[in-house]
Amino acid sequence: MEYTPVSSFRRPISAVQLERHALADQPAAEVNKWHALRNLAAARQHFGLSDRDLTVLQTLLGFHPETAIGSGSPPAIVYPSNAAICERLNGMPSSTMRRHIARLVDAGIIVRRDSPNGKRYVRHHGGAKLAYGFDLTPLAARFDEFREIAEKLAHAEARCKRLRETV
């Protein structure tokens, strides 16, 4: 018999997702969220992401008030409702938006922090802040990886362009 861990919302959790949760919990260097998005956009084919996936990610980044993500900035957990996300996506259907978010979670770009009832919210207990929603910390943690892959793809494209000009 095999044990498959599930979230409180009955979603199966894979070993890869558990590793990504651990990676998101480790402190990462402070990174500009728009630079991280730009590098990820350049390397999106490597991660199997579409332009619409990146549009959803850009919308989620817009809900984070700071431009920096990482150790020096406040926690990068955003908790917008599905309606608020779809409104900023110019009326994208909720089912489509959820599918794109699932692809971002599967690629390890964001981490879903589920509350016990499946809602996204923040609760303040004295000085502590407990937030449930989408954690954007993996963007900061994997920034170097995104940048390296984007540079490799740019070099390969430049090489291909030089070869075409030579021929």
N, C-alpha and C. Protein backbone atom coordinates (compact mmCIF):
# COMPACT_ATOMS: atom_id res chain seq x y z
N MET A 1 0.85 -1.17 0.00
CA MET A 1 0.00 0.00 0.00
C MET A 1 0.89 1.23 0.00
N GLU A 2 0.54 2.20 -0.79
CA GLU A 2 1.35 3.40 -0.96
C GLU A 2 0.66 4.58 -0.32
N TYR A 3 1.44 5.40 0.38
CA TYR A 3 0.90 6.60 1.03
C TYR A 3 1.14 7.81 0.14
N THR A 4 0.10 8.55 -0.15
CA THR A 4 0.21 9.79 -0.91
C THR A 4 -0.26 10.92 -0.02
N PRO A 5 0.66 11.82 0.36
CA PRO A 5 0.22 12.93 1.20
C PRO A 5 -0.74 13.85 0.44
N VAL A 6 -1.70 14.40 1.16
CA VAL A 6 -2.66 15.32 0.57
C VAL A 6 -2.68 16.60 1.40
N SER A 7 -3.03 17.68 0.74
CA SER A 7 -3.17 18.95 1.45
C SER A 7 -4.48 18.94 2.21
N SER A 8 -4.69 19.97 3.02
CA SER A 8 -5.94 20.04 3.78
C SER A 8 -7.14 20.21 2.86
N PHE A 9 -6.87 20.56 1.59
CA PHE A 9 -7.94 20.77 0.62
C PHE A 9 -8.08 19.55 -0.29
N ARG A 10 -7.50 18.41 0.10
CA ARG A 10 -7.57 17.13 -0.59
C ARG A 10 -6.84 17.12 -1.93
N ARG A 11 -5.85 17.98 -2.10
CA ARG A 11 -5.02 17.93 -3.30
C ARG A 11 -3.85 17.00 -3.02
N PRO A 12 -3.52 16.09 -3.93
CA PRO A 12 -2.34 15.24 -3.70
C PRO A 12 -1.07 16.08 -3.77
N ILE A 13 -0.12 15.78 -2.89
CA ILE A 13 1.15 16.49 -2.84
C ILE A 13 2.24 15.52 -3.24
N SER A 14 3.00 15.86 -4.27
CA SER A 14 4.08 14.99 -4.72
C SER A 14 5.36 15.30 -3.94
N ALA A 15 6.35 14.42 -4.07
CA ALA A 15 7.64 14.63 -3.41
C ALA A 15 8.32 15.88 -3.94
N VAL A 16 8.15 16.15 -5.22
CA VAL A 16 8.74 17.35 -5.82
C VAL A 16 8.13 18.60 -5.19
N GLN A 17 6.83 18.60 -4.98
CA GLN A 17 6.19 19.76 -4.36
C GLN A 17 6.66 19.95 -2.92
N LEU A 18 6.88 18.85 -2.20
CA LEU A 18 7.40 18.96 -0.84
C LEU A 18 8.80 19.57 -0.84
N GLU A 19 9.63 19.19 -1.82
CA GLU A 19 10.97 19.78 -1.93
C GLU A 19 10.87 21.27 -2.25
N ARG A 20 9.94 21.65 -3.08
CA ARG A 20 9.77 23.06 -3.45
C ARG A 20 9.25 23.88 -2.26
N HIS A 21 8.41 23.26 -1.43
CA HIS A 21 7.97 23.94 -0.21
C HIS A 21 9.16 24.20 0.70
N ALA A 22 10.05 23.20 0.83
CA ALA A 22 11.23 23.36 1.66
C ALA A 22 12.15 24.44 1.09
N LEU A 23 12.28 24.49 -0.24
CA LEU A 23 13.11 25.51 -0.88
C LEU A 23 12.53 26.90 -0.64
N ALA A 24 11.22 27.02 -0.68
CA ALA A 24 10.57 28.33 -0.46
C ALA A 24 10.72 28.78 0.98
N ASP A 25 10.87 27.84 1.92
CA ASP A 25 11.01 28.20 3.32
C ASP A 25 12.42 28.67 3.67
N GLN A 26 13.40 28.37 2.82
CA GLN A 26 14.78 28.81 3.07
C GLN A 26 14.93 30.26 2.66
N PRO A 27 15.77 31.01 3.39
CA PRO A 27 15.96 32.41 3.00
C PRO A 27 16.67 32.52 1.66
N ALA A 28 16.22 33.47 0.85
CA ALA A 28 16.81 33.70 -0.48
C ALA A 28 17.28 35.14 -0.55
N ALA A 29 18.21 35.39 -1.45
CA ALA A 29 18.70 36.75 -1.64
C ALA A 29 17.57 37.63 -2.16
N GLU A 30 17.64 38.91 -1.84
CA GLU A 30 16.62 39.84 -2.28
C GLU A 30 16.75 40.09 -3.78
N VAL A 31 15.63 39.96 -4.49
CA VAL A 31 15.61 40.05 -5.95
C VAL A 31 14.45 40.96 -6.37
N ASN A 32 14.66 41.72 -7.41
CA ASN A 32 13.58 42.53 -7.98
C ASN A 32 12.62 41.57 -8.69
N LYS A 33 11.34 41.65 -8.34
CA LYS A 33 10.37 40.69 -8.88
C LYS A 33 10.20 40.84 -10.39
N TRP A 34 10.38 42.04 -10.93
CA TRP A 34 10.21 42.25 -12.36
C TRP A 34 11.42 41.72 -13.13
N HIS A 35 12.62 41.77 -12.54
CA HIS A 35 13.80 41.18 -13.19
C HIS A 35 13.65 39.66 -13.23
N ALA A 36 13.13 39.09 -12.14
CA ALA A 36 12.92 37.65 -12.12
C ALA A 36 11.90 37.24 -13.18
N LEU A 37 10.83 38.01 -13.32
CA LEU A 37 9.82 37.70 -14.34
C LEU A 37 10.41 37.81 -15.74
N ARG A 38 11.23 38.83 -15.97
CA ARG A 38 11.84 39.02 -17.29
C ARG A 38 12.75 37.84 -17.64
N ASN A 39 13.57 37.39 -16.68
CA ASN A 39 14.44 36.23 -16.93
C ASN A 39 13.64 34.96 -17.14
N LEU A 40 12.58 34.80 -16.37
CA LEU A 40 11.73 33.62 -16.55
C LEU A 40 11.04 33.65 -17.90
N ALA A 41 10.63 34.84 -18.35
CA ALA A 41 9.98 34.96 -19.66
C ALA A 41 10.94 34.57 -20.77
N ALA A 42 12.22 34.91 -20.62
CA ALA A 42 13.21 34.54 -21.63
C ALA A 42 13.46 33.04 -21.65
N ALA A 43 13.27 32.38 -20.50
CA ALA A 43 13.56 30.95 -20.39
C ALA A 43 12.28 30.12 -20.27
N ARG A 44 11.15 30.65 -20.68
CA ARG A 44 9.87 29.98 -20.44
C ARG A 44 9.74 28.65 -21.15
N GLN A 45 10.32 28.51 -22.34
CA GLN A 45 10.20 27.23 -23.06
C GLN A 45 10.90 26.11 -22.30
N HIS A 46 11.98 26.43 -21.62
CA HIS A 46 12.71 25.42 -20.85
C HIS A 46 11.84 24.85 -19.73
N PHE A 47 10.99 25.69 -19.15
CA PHE A 47 10.14 25.26 -18.04
C PHE A 47 8.76 24.82 -18.50
N GLY A 48 8.50 24.87 -19.80
CA GLY A 48 7.22 24.43 -20.33
C GLY A 48 6.08 25.38 -20.01
N LEU A 49 6.39 26.67 -19.93
CA LEU A 49 5.37 27.66 -19.61
C LEU A 49 4.94 28.40 -20.87
N SER A 50 3.69 28.79 -20.90
CA SER A 50 3.17 29.56 -22.03
C SER A 50 3.16 31.04 -21.67
N ASP A 51 2.88 31.86 -22.66
CA ASP A 51 2.80 33.30 -22.40
C ASP A 51 1.62 33.62 -21.48
N ARG A 52 0.58 32.85 -21.53
CA ARG A 52 -0.57 33.08 -20.64
C ARG A 52 -0.24 32.71 -19.20
N ASP A 53 0.59 31.67 -19.02
CA ASP A 53 1.06 31.34 -17.67
C ASP A 53 1.82 32.53 -17.08
N LEU A 54 2.66 33.14 -17.90
CA LEU A 54 3.44 34.28 -17.42
C LEU A 54 2.56 35.50 -17.19
N THR A 55 1.48 35.63 -17.93
CA THR A 55 0.55 36.73 -17.69
C THR A 55 -0.13 36.57 -16.33
N VAL A 56 -0.49 35.34 -15.99
CA VAL A 56 -1.08 35.08 -14.67
C VAL A 56 -0.05 35.36 -13.58
N LEU A 57 1.20 34.95 -13.80
CA LEU A 57 2.25 35.22 -12.83
C LEU A 57 2.47 36.73 -12.67
N GLN A 58 2.46 37.45 -13.77
CA GLN A 58 2.61 38.90 -13.71
C GLN A 58 1.48 39.53 -12.89
N THR A 59 0.28 39.02 -13.04
CA THR A 59 -0.85 39.51 -12.26
C THR A 59 -0.65 39.22 -10.78
N LEU A 60 -0.19 38.02 -10.45
CA LEU A 60 0.07 37.69 -9.05
C LEU A 60 1.16 38.59 -8.47
N LEU A 61 2.19 38.87 -9.27
CA LEU A 61 3.25 39.77 -8.81
C LEU A 61 2.71 41.17 -8.56
N GLY A 62 1.71 41.57 -9.32
CA GLY A 62 1.10 42.88 -9.13
C GLY A 62 0.39 43.02 -7.81
N PHE A 63 -0.02 41.92 -7.20
CA PHE A 63 -0.68 41.97 -5.90
C PHE A 63 0.33 42.14 -4.76
N HIS A 64 1.60 41.87 -5.01
CA HIS A 64 2.64 42.04 -3.98
C HIS A 64 3.05 43.51 -3.97
N PRO A 65 2.93 44.19 -2.83
CA PRO A 65 3.15 45.64 -2.82
C PRO A 65 4.60 46.08 -3.02
N GLU A 66 5.55 45.25 -2.66
CA GLU A 66 6.97 45.62 -2.77
C GLU A 66 7.52 45.19 -4.13
N THR A 67 8.62 45.84 -4.54
CA THR A 67 9.26 45.42 -5.79
C THR A 67 10.31 44.35 -5.53
N ALA A 68 10.70 44.18 -4.28
CA ALA A 68 11.72 43.19 -3.94
C ALA A 68 11.07 41.96 -3.30
N ILE A 69 11.62 40.80 -3.64
CA ILE A 69 11.19 39.54 -3.06
C ILE A 69 12.44 38.88 -2.50
N GLY A 70 12.36 38.38 -1.30
CA GLY A 70 13.51 37.69 -0.72
C GLY A 70 13.63 37.93 0.76
N SER A 71 14.85 37.74 1.28
CA SER A 71 15.05 37.75 2.72
C SER A 71 14.85 39.12 3.35
N GLY A 72 15.24 40.19 2.70
CA GLY A 72 15.16 41.51 3.29
C GLY A 72 13.78 42.14 3.21
N SER A 73 12.91 41.60 2.40
CA SER A 73 11.59 42.20 2.19
C SER A 73 10.53 41.44 2.99
N PRO A 74 9.32 41.99 3.10
CA PRO A 74 8.25 41.26 3.79
C PRO A 74 7.91 39.96 3.07
N PRO A 75 7.22 39.04 3.76
CA PRO A 75 6.88 37.76 3.12
C PRO A 75 6.16 37.97 1.79
N ALA A 76 6.52 37.17 0.82
CA ALA A 76 5.98 37.33 -0.53
C ALA A 76 4.80 36.41 -0.77
N ILE A 77 3.84 36.46 0.14
CA ILE A 77 2.62 35.66 -0.01
C ILE A 77 1.49 36.60 -0.37
N VAL A 78 0.88 36.35 -1.52
CA VAL A 78 -0.27 37.16 -1.96
C VAL A 78 -1.53 36.31 -1.79
N TYR A 79 -2.63 36.95 -1.48
CA TYR A 79 -3.86 36.22 -1.19
C TYR A 79 -5.08 36.86 -1.85
N PRO A 80 -5.01 37.10 -3.16
CA PRO A 80 -6.18 37.66 -3.84
C PRO A 80 -7.24 36.58 -4.09
N SER A 81 -8.46 37.02 -4.25
CA SER A 81 -9.53 36.08 -4.59
C SER A 81 -9.44 35.73 -6.07
N ASN A 82 -10.10 34.65 -6.45
CA ASN A 82 -10.13 34.28 -7.87
C ASN A 82 -10.78 35.38 -8.70
N ALA A 83 -11.81 36.02 -8.16
CA ALA A 83 -12.49 37.09 -8.89
C ALA A 83 -11.56 38.27 -9.12
N ALA A 84 -10.74 38.62 -8.10
CA ALA A 84 -9.80 39.74 -8.26
C ALA A 84 -8.74 39.42 -9.30
N ILE A 85 -8.26 38.18 -9.30
CA ILE A 85 -7.25 37.78 -10.29
C ILE A 85 -7.85 37.85 -11.69
N CYS A 86 -9.03 37.28 -11.86
CA CYS A 86 -9.67 37.27 -13.18
C CYS A 86 -9.99 38.67 -13.66
N GLU A 87 -10.34 39.57 -12.74
CA GLU A 87 -10.62 40.95 -13.12
C GLU A 87 -9.37 41.61 -13.68
N ARG A 88 -8.22 41.39 -13.04
CA ARG A 88 -6.97 41.97 -13.54
C ARG A 88 -6.49 41.29 -14.81
N LEU A 89 -6.99 40.10 -15.06
CA LEU A 89 -6.64 39.38 -16.30
C LEU A 89 -7.65 39.68 -17.41
N ASN A 90 -8.34 40.79 -17.29
CA ASN A 90 -9.29 41.25 -18.30
C ASN A 90 -10.40 40.25 -18.59
N GLY A 91 -10.93 39.64 -17.53
CA GLY A 91 -12.09 38.77 -17.69
C GLY A 91 -11.76 37.33 -18.08
N MET A 92 -10.54 36.88 -17.83
CA MET A 92 -10.21 35.48 -18.10
C MET A 92 -11.13 34.59 -17.25
N PRO A 93 -11.66 33.51 -17.80
CA PRO A 93 -12.51 32.62 -17.01
C PRO A 93 -11.74 32.03 -15.82
N SER A 94 -12.46 31.83 -14.75
CA SER A 94 -11.84 31.33 -13.52
C SER A 94 -11.21 29.95 -13.72
N SER A 95 -11.85 29.11 -14.51
CA SER A 95 -11.31 27.77 -14.75
C SER A 95 -9.98 27.85 -15.50
N THR A 96 -9.86 28.76 -16.43
CA THR A 96 -8.62 28.94 -17.18
C THR A 96 -7.53 29.48 -16.27
N MET A 97 -7.88 30.45 -15.43
CA MET A 97 -6.92 31.02 -14.49
C MET A 97 -6.41 29.96 -13.53
N ARG A 98 -7.29 29.11 -13.02
CA ARG A 98 -6.86 28.04 -12.10
C ARG A 98 -5.93 27.06 -12.81
N ARG A 99 -6.19 26.78 -14.08
CA ARG A 99 -5.32 25.88 -14.84
C ARG A 99 -3.93 26.47 -14.98
N HIS A 100 -3.83 27.76 -15.27
CA HIS A 100 -2.52 28.41 -15.41
C HIS A 100 -1.78 28.47 -14.07
N ILE A 101 -2.51 28.70 -13.00
CA ILE A 101 -1.88 28.69 -11.67
C ILE A 101 -1.37 27.30 -11.34
N ALA A 102 -2.12 26.27 -11.70
CA ALA A 102 -1.67 24.90 -11.46
C ALA A 102 -0.38 24.61 -12.22
N ARG A 103 -0.26 25.12 -13.44
CA ARG A 103 0.97 24.93 -14.22
C ARG A 103 2.15 25.64 -13.56
N LEU A 104 1.91 26.83 -13.01
CA LEU A 104 2.97 27.56 -12.31
C LEU A 104 3.40 26.82 -11.05
N VAL A 105 2.45 26.23 -10.35
CA VAL A 105 2.77 25.45 -9.15
C VAL A 105 3.55 24.19 -9.54
N ASP A 106 3.11 23.50 -10.59
CA ASP A 106 3.80 22.29 -11.03
C ASP A 106 5.23 22.57 -11.50
N ALA A 107 5.44 23.75 -12.09
CA ALA A 107 6.78 24.12 -12.55
C ALA A 107 7.66 24.62 -11.40
N GLY A 108 7.08 24.82 -10.22
CA GLY A 108 7.87 25.28 -9.08
C GLY A 108 8.14 26.77 -9.08
N ILE A 109 7.35 27.52 -9.83
CA ILE A 109 7.54 28.97 -9.90
C ILE A 109 6.88 29.64 -8.70
N ILE A 110 5.73 29.14 -8.29
CA ILE A 110 5.06 29.62 -7.08
C ILE A 110 4.71 28.42 -6.22
N VAL A 111 4.42 28.67 -4.95
CA VAL A 111 4.01 27.62 -4.02
C VAL A 111 2.65 28.00 -3.47
N ARG A 112 1.77 27.04 -3.45
CA ARG A 112 0.42 27.26 -2.93
C ARG A 112 0.45 26.97 -1.42
N ARG A 113 0.07 27.96 -0.62
CA ARG A 113 -0.04 27.80 0.83
C ARG A 113 -1.52 27.73 1.17
N ASP A 114 -2.03 26.52 1.34
CA ASP A 114 -3.46 26.33 1.57
C ASP A 114 -3.82 26.52 3.04
N SER A 115 -4.92 27.19 3.27
CA SER A 115 -5.46 27.30 4.62
C SER A 115 -6.30 26.06 4.89
N PRO A 116 -6.68 25.84 6.13
CA PRO A 116 -7.50 24.66 6.43
C PRO A 116 -8.83 24.62 5.67
N ASN A 117 -9.40 25.77 5.33
CA ASN A 117 -10.68 25.77 4.63
C ASN A 117 -10.53 26.07 3.14
N GLY A 118 -9.28 26.17 2.63
CA GLY A 118 -9.05 26.39 1.21
C GLY A 118 -9.14 27.83 0.77
N LYS A 119 -9.32 28.75 1.71
CA LYS A 119 -9.42 30.17 1.38
C LYS A 119 -8.03 30.81 1.43
N ARG A 120 -7.92 31.99 0.79
CA ARG A 120 -6.68 32.76 0.84
C ARG A 120 -6.93 34.00 1.68
N TYR A 121 -6.15 34.16 2.75
CA TYR A 121 -6.34 35.30 3.63
C TYR A 121 -5.10 35.50 4.48
N VAL A 122 -5.08 36.60 5.23
CA VAL A 122 -4.01 36.90 6.17
C VAL A 122 -4.64 37.16 7.53
N ARG A 123 -3.95 36.71 8.57
CA ARG A 123 -4.43 36.92 9.93
C ARG A 123 -3.26 37.42 10.76
N HIS A 124 -3.49 38.47 11.52
CA HIS A 124 -2.46 39.06 12.37
C HIS A 124 -2.69 38.62 13.82
N HIS A 125 -1.64 38.08 14.43
CA HIS A 125 -1.67 37.69 15.84
C HIS A 125 -0.60 38.50 16.54
N GLY A 126 -0.97 39.63 17.09
CA GLY A 126 0.02 40.50 17.72
C GLY A 126 0.97 41.02 16.66
N GLY A 127 2.25 40.69 16.79
CA GLY A 127 3.23 41.12 15.80
C GLY A 127 3.42 40.10 14.69
N ALA A 128 2.89 38.89 14.87
CA ALA A 128 3.06 37.83 13.86
C ALA A 128 1.98 37.92 12.80
N LYS A 129 2.35 37.51 11.60
CA LYS A 129 1.42 37.55 10.48
C LYS A 129 1.36 36.14 9.88
N LEU A 130 0.17 35.61 9.79
CA LEU A 130 -0.05 34.29 9.22
C LEU A 130 -0.83 34.47 7.92
N ALA A 131 -0.21 34.11 6.79
CA ALA A 131 -0.85 34.34 5.49
C ALA A 131 -0.99 33.02 4.74
N TYR A 132 -2.13 32.88 4.08
CA TYR A 132 -2.39 31.74 3.21
C TYR A 132 -2.67 32.28 1.82
N GLY A 133 -2.05 31.70 0.83
CA GLY A 133 -2.25 32.15 -0.54
C GLY A 133 -1.17 31.59 -1.44
N PHE A 134 -0.64 32.43 -2.32
CA PHE A 134 0.40 32.02 -3.25
C PHE A 134 1.73 32.63 -2.81
N ASP A 135 2.70 31.76 -2.57
CA ASP A 135 4.03 32.20 -2.12
C ASP A 135 4.89 32.43 -3.36
N LEU A 136 5.41 33.64 -3.50
CA LEU A 136 6.24 34.02 -4.64
C LEU A 136 7.73 33.87 -4.36
N THR A 137 8.10 33.36 -3.20
CA THR A 137 9.50 33.24 -2.80
C THR A 137 10.33 32.38 -3.76
N PRO A 138 9.78 31.33 -4.39
CA PRO A 138 10.61 30.56 -5.32
C PRO A 138 11.18 31.39 -6.47
N LEU A 139 10.54 32.49 -6.82
CA LEU A 139 11.11 33.38 -7.85
C LEU A 139 12.46 33.92 -7.40
N ALA A 140 12.57 34.28 -6.13
CA ALA A 140 13.84 34.78 -5.61
C ALA A 140 14.83 33.64 -5.41
N ALA A 141 14.34 32.50 -4.93
CA ALA A 141 15.22 31.36 -4.66
C ALA A 141 15.82 30.78 -5.94
N ARG A 142 15.08 30.83 -7.03
CA ARG A 142 15.54 30.25 -8.29
C ARG A 142 15.98 31.29 -9.32
N PHE A 143 16.18 32.54 -8.88
CA PHE A 143 16.54 33.63 -9.78
C PHE A 143 17.80 33.32 -10.58
N ASP A 144 18.84 32.80 -9.91
CA ASP A 144 20.10 32.50 -10.62
C ASP A 144 19.88 31.43 -11.69
N GLU A 145 19.05 30.44 -11.37
CA GLU A 145 18.73 29.39 -12.35
C GLU A 145 18.03 29.99 -13.57
N PHE A 146 17.06 30.87 -13.34
CA PHE A 146 16.35 31.51 -14.45
C PHE A 146 17.31 32.33 -15.31
N ARG A 147 18.19 33.07 -14.64
CA ARG A 147 19.12 33.94 -15.36
C ARG A 147 20.10 33.12 -16.21
N GLU A 148 20.63 32.03 -15.64
CA GLU A 148 21.57 31.19 -16.39
C GLU A 148 20.92 30.56 -17.62
N ILE A 149 19.72 30.05 -17.45
CA ILE A 149 19.03 29.43 -18.58
C ILE A 149 18.69 30.47 -19.64
N ALA A 150 18.27 31.66 -19.20
CA ALA A 150 17.97 32.74 -20.16
C ALA A 150 19.21 33.13 -20.94
N GLU A 151 20.36 33.21 -20.26
CA GLU A 151 21.61 33.55 -20.94
C GLU A 151 22.01 32.46 -21.93
N LYS A 152 21.88 31.20 -21.54
CA LYS A 152 22.22 30.09 -22.45
C LYS A 152 21.33 30.13 -23.69
N LEU A 153 20.05 30.37 -23.50
CA LEU A 153 19.15 30.43 -24.65
C LEU A 153 19.46 31.64 -25.54
N ALA A 154 19.84 32.76 -24.93
CA ALA A 154 20.20 33.94 -25.72
C ALA A 154 21.47 33.69 -26.52
N HIS A 155 22.46 33.00 -25.91
CA HIS A 155 23.69 32.67 -26.64
C HIS A 155 23.41 31.70 -27.78
N ALA A 156 22.54 30.73 -27.53
CA ALA A 156 22.20 29.76 -28.58
C ALA A 156 21.47 30.46 -29.73
N GLU A 157 20.59 31.38 -29.42
CA GLU A 157 19.88 32.13 -30.45
C GLU A 157 20.83 33.01 -31.25
N ALA A 158 21.78 33.65 -30.56
CA ALA A 158 22.76 34.50 -31.26
C ALA A 158 23.65 33.64 -32.16
N ARG A 159 24.04 32.47 -31.69
CA ARG A 159 24.86 31.56 -32.49
C ARG A 159 24.10 31.11 -33.73
N CYS A 160 22.83 30.77 -33.56
CA CYS A 160 21.99 30.36 -34.70
C CYS A 160 21.85 31.50 -35.70
N LYS A 161 21.70 32.71 -35.19
CA LYS A 161 21.58 33.86 -36.08
C LYS A 161 22.87 34.09 -36.86
N ARG A 162 24.02 33.95 -36.20
CA ARG A 162 25.31 34.10 -36.90
C ARG A 162 25.48 33.03 -37.97
N LEU A 163 25.07 31.79 -37.67
CA LEU A 163 25.18 30.72 -38.66
C LEU A 163 24.28 30.97 -39.86
N ARG A 164 23.08 31.50 -39.61
CA ARG A 164 22.18 31.83 -40.73
C ARG A 164 22.79 32.92 -41.62
N GLU A 165 23.40 33.90 -40.99
CA GLU A 165 24.04 34.99 -41.78
C GLU A 165 25.22 34.46 -42.58
N THR A 166 25.95 33.49 -42.01
CA THR A 166 27.09 32.91 -42.70
C THR A 166 26.63 32.13 -43.92
N VAL A 167 25.57 31.37 -43.77
CA VAL A 167 25.06 30.56 -44.87
C VAL A 167 24.48 31.47 -45.91
